[in-house]
């Protein structure tokens, strides 16, 4: 018997409320980097476990921390001074008993995790030198005996839960939510990067809707090697603003949309980076502080 209860929600729909606030942290944001690495490590471990022992073994990789490095950006190309540090912790099954042979099988969890993290960074942050700009440290420990045993019992039956949790979902997205989501996706698309390579991957978009007006505030890292002067920097901002305004007309044509990019810029003090992510200097990251499963942060 299905355990489903359906009731009417007596509240004002989001689109009809006076105020709506939505945010998305882009692929290159330190928190998003940690989320992406955690998922990539889990996927890689699942693949390795299946290849080695024929089934997925207990692991949890949701403990990834990023400590920002130190960089010296400048027009035409700067350099990293101290590397970004990434710590992968959590738990994983590192060995298993082969009952037929009566021997312990050692599993390469650490090396698999580090390679998965490197592979993710290689695909995600174009201008990050993996040999010099980042240190990846794996300190995953062996999973607890009772949780491993739960996984063992699940092999031939319905998978068993080893924790208590719940999730909340909703549909469809509001106009503001779609605009915020698609703006970041567009700015981090291969098409945009090919046309304007100076746009880095660390892009954060916040949408504030007040009635029929939406204000998009975009924090966009600019990669120094692709801009030779302050004038070129502001030209990049202008080009991106025009493209986002065009996108906004397609998604939110019934709204007045104002686009603001790198509002902290003042004169020659601008958002210039060596790698395209604020993780290079002073911005740390952690799993779980970024987007929800739908790709957005929607407290209101």
Protein backbone atom coordinates (compact mmCIF):
# COMPACT_ATOMS: atom_id res chain seq x y z
CA UNK A 1 0.00 0.00 0.00
CA UNK A 2 1.40 3.39 -1.02
CA UNK A 3 2.12 5.73 1.86
CA UNK A 4 0.96 8.92 0.13
CA UNK A 5 -1.04 11.80 1.61
CA UNK A 6 -2.22 14.68 -0.59
CA UNK A 7 -3.58 17.91 0.88
CA UNK A 8 -4.15 21.42 -0.39
CA UNK A 9 -1.51 23.96 0.65
CA UNK A 10 -3.25 27.11 1.84
CA UNK A 11 -0.62 29.75 1.14
CA UNK A 12 0.10 32.48 -1.38
CA UNK A 13 1.97 31.15 -4.45
CA UNK A 14 5.55 32.41 -4.69
CA UNK A 15 4.92 34.22 -7.98
CA UNK A 16 2.15 36.26 -6.31
CA UNK A 17 4.18 37.36 -3.30
CA UNK A 18 5.70 40.83 -3.14
CA UNK A 19 9.26 39.67 -2.44
CA UNK A 20 11.28 36.69 -3.69
CA UNK A 21 15.00 36.04 -3.19
CA UNK A 22 16.91 33.30 -5.02
CA UNK A 23 20.62 32.50 -5.22
CA UNK A 24 22.87 30.10 -7.12
CA UNK A 25 26.54 29.44 -6.49
CA UNK A 26 28.28 28.59 -9.76
CA UNK A 27 30.55 25.65 -10.53
CA UNK A 28 33.71 27.50 -9.53
CA UNK A 29 32.48 28.74 -6.16
CA UNK A 30 34.49 27.11 -3.32
CA UNK A 31 31.35 25.52 -1.81
CA UNK A 32 30.28 24.17 -5.21
CA UNK A 33 33.78 22.80 -5.79
CA UNK A 34 33.52 20.84 -2.53
CA UNK A 35 30.05 19.53 -3.45
CA UNK A 36 31.27 18.49 -6.89
CA UNK A 37 34.34 16.71 -5.54
CA UNK A 38 32.27 14.87 -2.92
CA UNK A 39 29.88 13.56 -5.58
CA UNK A 40 32.72 12.66 -7.96
CA UNK A 41 34.56 10.72 -5.25
CA UNK A 42 31.40 8.78 -4.37
CA UNK A 43 30.77 7.94 -8.03
CA UNK A 44 34.36 6.78 -8.48
CA UNK A 45 34.24 4.62 -5.35
CA UNK A 46 30.98 3.01 -6.50
CA UNK A 47 32.59 2.14 -9.83
CA UNK A 48 35.72 0.75 -8.16
CA UNK A 49 33.73 -1.32 -5.64
CA UNK A 50 31.65 -2.88 -8.41
CA UNK A 51 34.75 -3.72 -10.43
CA UNK A 52 36.63 -5.19 -7.45
CA UNK A 53 33.92 -7.00 -5.46
CA UNK A 54 30.77 -6.86 -7.59
CA UNK A 55 28.69 -4.53 -5.41
CA UNK A 56 28.73 -1.06 -3.85
CA UNK A 57 30.21 -1.01 -0.35
CA UNK A 58 29.55 1.41 2.48
CA UNK A 59 31.04 4.88 2.16
CA UNK A 60 30.20 8.51 2.83
CA UNK A 61 32.24 11.23 1.17
CA UNK A 62 30.33 14.35 2.21
CA UNK A 63 33.24 15.73 4.24
CA UNK A 64 35.27 17.87 1.84
CA UNK A 65 36.88 21.11 2.99
CA UNK A 66 38.65 23.74 0.90
CA UNK A 67 41.12 26.23 2.34
CA UNK A 68 41.68 29.20 0.07
CA UNK A 69 45.14 29.84 -1.32
CA UNK A 70 46.92 33.11 -2.02
CA UNK A 71 47.27 34.65 -5.46
CA UNK A 72 48.80 37.68 -7.13
CA UNK A 73 46.51 38.59 -10.04
CA UNK A 74 47.44 41.30 -12.51
CA UNK A 75 46.41 42.32 -16.01
CA UNK A 76 48.00 40.08 -18.62
CA UNK A 77 48.57 37.24 -16.14
CA UNK A 78 49.55 36.90 -12.51
CA UNK A 79 50.51 33.84 -10.47
CA UNK A 80 49.64 31.79 -7.41
CA UNK A 81 51.68 32.44 -4.27
CA UNK A 82 50.27 29.65 -2.07
CA UNK A 83 48.20 26.73 -3.39
CA UNK A 84 44.58 25.91 -2.61
CA UNK A 85 44.29 23.08 -0.07
CA UNK A 86 41.51 20.49 -0.38
CA UNK A 87 40.88 17.89 2.32
CA UNK A 88 38.81 14.79 1.55
CA UNK A 89 37.66 13.07 4.71
CA UNK A 90 34.68 10.89 5.57
CA UNK A 91 34.48 7.10 5.69
CA UNK A 92 34.88 4.29 3.18
CA UNK A 93 35.29 0.52 3.08
CA UNK A 94 39.02 0.04 2.62
CA UNK A 95 39.20 -3.73 2.91
CA UNK A 96 36.84 -6.68 2.70
CA UNK A 97 37.04 -10.38 3.51
CA UNK A 98 36.91 -12.75 0.53
CA UNK A 99 35.15 -15.65 2.25
CA UNK A 100 35.83 -18.09 -0.59
CA UNK A 101 39.59 -17.52 -0.52
CA UNK A 102 39.79 -16.67 3.15
CA UNK A 103 41.86 -13.55 2.55
CA UNK A 104 41.51 -9.80 3.01
CA UNK A 105 41.14 -7.71 -0.15
CA UNK A 106 42.73 -4.27 0.18
CA UNK A 107 40.84 -1.62 -1.78
CA UNK A 108 42.49 1.53 -3.28
CA UNK A 109 40.02 4.01 -1.79
CA UNK A 110 42.52 6.83 -1.23
CA UNK A 111 44.08 6.80 -4.69
CA UNK A 112 40.65 6.52 -6.32
CA UNK A 113 39.37 9.49 -4.29
CA UNK A 114 42.33 11.73 -5.16
CA UNK A 115 42.16 10.92 -8.86
CA UNK A 116 38.40 11.57 -8.87
CA UNK A 117 38.98 14.98 -7.28
CA UNK A 118 41.70 15.84 -9.79
CA UNK A 119 39.53 14.74 -12.69
CA UNK A 120 36.64 16.90 -11.48
CA UNK A 121 38.85 19.97 -11.10
CA UNK A 122 40.41 19.36 -14.50
CA UNK A 123 36.98 19.40 -16.16
CA UNK A 124 35.55 22.26 -14.11
CA UNK A 125 38.21 24.94 -13.52
CA UNK A 126 39.93 25.57 -16.88
CA UNK A 127 42.74 27.81 -15.66
CA UNK A 128 43.74 25.88 -12.55
CA UNK A 129 47.19 24.26 -12.77
CA UNK A 130 46.68 20.97 -10.93
CA UNK A 131 50.41 20.46 -10.52
CA UNK A 132 51.12 23.78 -8.79
CA UNK A 133 47.91 25.53 -7.77
CA UNK A 134 46.23 22.92 -5.58
CA UNK A 135 47.05 20.33 -2.92
CA UNK A 136 44.60 17.43 -2.55
CA UNK A 137 44.84 15.49 0.69
CA UNK A 138 42.80 12.33 1.39
CA UNK A 139 42.19 11.39 5.02
CA UNK A 140 39.20 9.07 4.69
CA UNK A 141 38.92 6.49 7.45
CA UNK A 142 37.59 2.95 7.57
CA UNK A 143 33.79 2.78 7.89
CA UNK A 144 32.23 1.60 11.16
CA UNK A 145 31.59 -2.14 11.52
CA UNK A 146 27.82 -1.82 12.09
CA UNK A 147 27.23 0.34 9.00
CA UNK A 148 29.32 -1.97 6.83
CA UNK A 149 27.24 -4.89 8.11
CA UNK A 150 24.02 -3.10 7.08
CA UNK A 151 25.36 -2.86 3.54
CA UNK A 152 26.27 -6.55 3.60
CA UNK A 153 22.68 -7.49 4.53
CA UNK A 154 21.32 -5.31 1.71
CA UNK A 155 23.10 -7.10 -1.14
CA UNK A 156 20.37 -9.59 -1.97
CA UNK A 157 17.33 -7.62 -0.81
CA UNK A 158 15.92 -4.11 -0.93
CA UNK A 159 18.68 -1.66 0.09
CA UNK A 160 18.52 -0.79 3.78
CA UNK A 161 18.89 2.70 5.22
CA UNK A 162 21.81 3.33 7.55
CA UNK A 163 20.63 6.75 8.71
CA UNK A 164 17.49 8.84 9.15
CA UNK A 165 16.88 11.67 6.72
CA UNK A 166 14.18 13.33 4.65
CA UNK A 167 14.00 15.59 1.62
CA UNK A 168 11.73 18.35 0.36
CA UNK A 169 11.04 19.07 -3.28
CA UNK A 170 8.71 21.26 -5.30
CA UNK A 171 7.80 22.14 -8.87
CA UNK A 172 7.68 24.09 -11.06
CA UNK A 173 10.37 26.73 -10.63
CA UNK A 174 9.26 30.34 -10.50
CA UNK A 175 10.34 32.82 -13.18
CA UNK A 176 12.96 34.28 -10.84
CA UNK A 177 14.31 30.83 -10.02
CA UNK A 178 14.58 29.87 -13.69
CA UNK A 179 16.29 33.16 -14.51
CA UNK A 180 18.90 32.74 -11.76
CA UNK A 181 19.55 29.10 -12.67
CA UNK A 182 19.83 29.68 -16.42
CA UNK A 183 21.97 32.80 -16.01
CA UNK A 184 24.70 30.89 -14.18
CA UNK A 185 24.46 27.95 -16.56
CA UNK A 186 24.81 30.28 -19.53
CA UNK A 187 27.81 32.12 -18.07
CA UNK A 188 29.52 28.79 -17.37
CA UNK A 189 28.63 27.27 -20.73
CA UNK A 190 31.28 26.20 -23.21
CA UNK A 191 29.77 28.55 -25.78
CA UNK A 192 30.22 31.63 -23.58
CA UNK A 193 33.71 30.59 -22.43
CA UNK A 194 34.80 30.20 -26.05
CA UNK A 195 33.51 33.64 -26.95
CA UNK A 196 34.64 35.43 -23.77
CA UNK A 197 37.39 33.28 -22.15
CA UNK A 198 38.03 35.94 -19.50
CA UNK A 199 34.86 34.86 -17.67
CA UNK A 200 35.90 32.54 -14.84
CA UNK A 201 33.93 29.66 -13.36
CA UNK A 202 33.30 31.28 -9.97
CA UNK A 203 29.98 32.96 -10.68
CA UNK A 204 27.34 33.67 -8.04
CA UNK A 205 23.93 34.94 -9.07
CA UNK A 206 21.37 36.43 -6.71
CA UNK A 207 17.91 37.36 -7.90
CA UNK A 208 15.71 39.75 -5.95
CA UNK A 209 12.17 40.14 -7.20
CA UNK A 210 10.16 43.07 -5.90
CA UNK A 211 6.75 42.89 -7.49
CA UNK A 212 7.35 42.92 -11.26
CA UNK A 213 11.00 43.99 -11.06
CA UNK A 214 13.90 41.52 -10.80
CA UNK A 215 17.40 42.65 -9.85
CA UNK A 216 20.15 40.21 -10.80
CA UNK A 217 23.36 40.72 -8.83
CA UNK A 218 26.21 38.73 -10.36
CA UNK A 219 29.63 38.15 -8.82
CA UNK A 220 31.84 37.04 -11.72
CA UNK A 221 35.52 36.17 -11.45
CA UNK A 222 37.55 37.52 -14.38
CA UNK A 223 40.72 35.64 -15.41
CA UNK A 224 43.66 38.02 -15.63
CA UNK A 225 45.58 36.37 -18.49
CA UNK A 226 42.76 37.22 -20.92
CA UNK A 227 42.52 40.93 -20.11
CA UNK A 228 45.45 43.26 -20.76
CA UNK A 229 44.13 46.40 -19.10
CA UNK A 230 41.48 47.92 -16.87
CA UNK A 231 39.67 49.10 -19.99
CA UNK A 232 39.45 45.52 -21.31
CA UNK A 233 38.14 44.36 -17.93
CA UNK A 234 35.22 46.78 -18.10
CA UNK A 235 34.61 45.79 -21.71
CA UNK A 236 34.21 42.17 -20.58
CA UNK A 237 31.68 43.25 -17.97
CA UNK A 238 29.75 45.24 -20.56
CA UNK A 239 29.61 42.32 -23.02
CA UNK A 240 28.43 39.91 -20.34
CA UNK A 241 25.78 42.34 -19.13
CA UNK A 242 24.34 42.66 -22.65
CA UNK A 243 24.14 38.89 -23.02
CA UNK A 244 22.46 38.40 -19.65
CA UNK A 245 19.94 41.14 -20.45
CA UNK A 246 19.10 39.33 -23.69
CA UNK A 247 18.66 36.05 -21.80
CA UNK A 248 16.45 37.80 -19.25
CA UNK A 249 14.10 39.02 -21.98
CA UNK A 250 13.67 35.43 -23.16
CA UNK A 251 12.98 34.00 -19.69
CA UNK A 252 11.35 36.91 -17.86
CA UNK A 253 9.88 39.03 -20.63
CA UNK A 254 6.98 40.17 -18.44
CA UNK A 255 9.34 41.61 -15.83
CA UNK A 256 11.63 44.60 -15.63
CA UNK A 257 15.11 43.13 -15.13
CA UNK A 258 18.16 45.04 -13.91
CA UNK A 259 21.56 43.33 -14.25
CA UNK A 260 24.40 44.33 -11.90
CA UNK A 261 27.86 42.72 -12.27
CA UNK A 262 30.71 42.92 -9.74
CA UNK A 263 29.16 45.77 -7.81
CA UNK A 264 32.17 46.04 -5.50
CA UNK A 265 34.37 47.23 -8.39
CA UNK A 266 35.68 50.74 -7.87
CA UNK A 267 38.17 52.33 -10.23
CA UNK A 268 41.15 49.99 -10.54
CA UNK A 269 39.99 47.79 -7.65
CA UNK A 270 38.24 44.99 -9.54
CA UNK A 271 37.38 41.26 -9.32
CA UNK A 272 40.47 39.93 -11.10
CA UNK A 273 41.73 36.37 -10.55
CA UNK A 274 44.52 34.09 -11.76
CA UNK A 275 42.46 30.89 -11.88
CA UNK A 276 38.85 32.00 -12.27
CA UNK A 277 37.82 31.09 -8.72
CA UNK A 278 37.88 33.00 -5.45
CA UNK A 279 39.27 29.83 -3.86
CA UNK A 280 42.66 31.09 -4.95
CA UNK A 281 42.64 33.83 -2.34
CA UNK A 282 40.83 34.06 0.96
CA UNK A 283 37.59 32.23 0.19
CA UNK A 284 37.12 28.81 1.79
CA UNK A 285 34.58 26.13 0.95
CA UNK A 286 32.69 23.24 2.50
CA UNK A 287 30.17 20.60 1.48
CA UNK A 288 26.54 21.46 2.18
CA UNK A 289 26.83 25.25 2.15
CA UNK A 290 25.98 25.59 -1.52
CA UNK A 291 23.02 24.87 -3.75
CA UNK A 292 20.24 22.47 -2.91
CA UNK A 293 19.48 19.49 -5.12
CA UNK A 294 17.57 21.70 -7.59
CA UNK A 295 20.65 23.87 -8.05
CA UNK A 296 19.32 26.84 -6.10
CA UNK A 297 19.29 28.39 -2.64
CA UNK A 298 15.71 29.49 -2.01
CA UNK A 299 15.05 30.60 1.57
CA UNK A 300 12.21 32.93 0.53
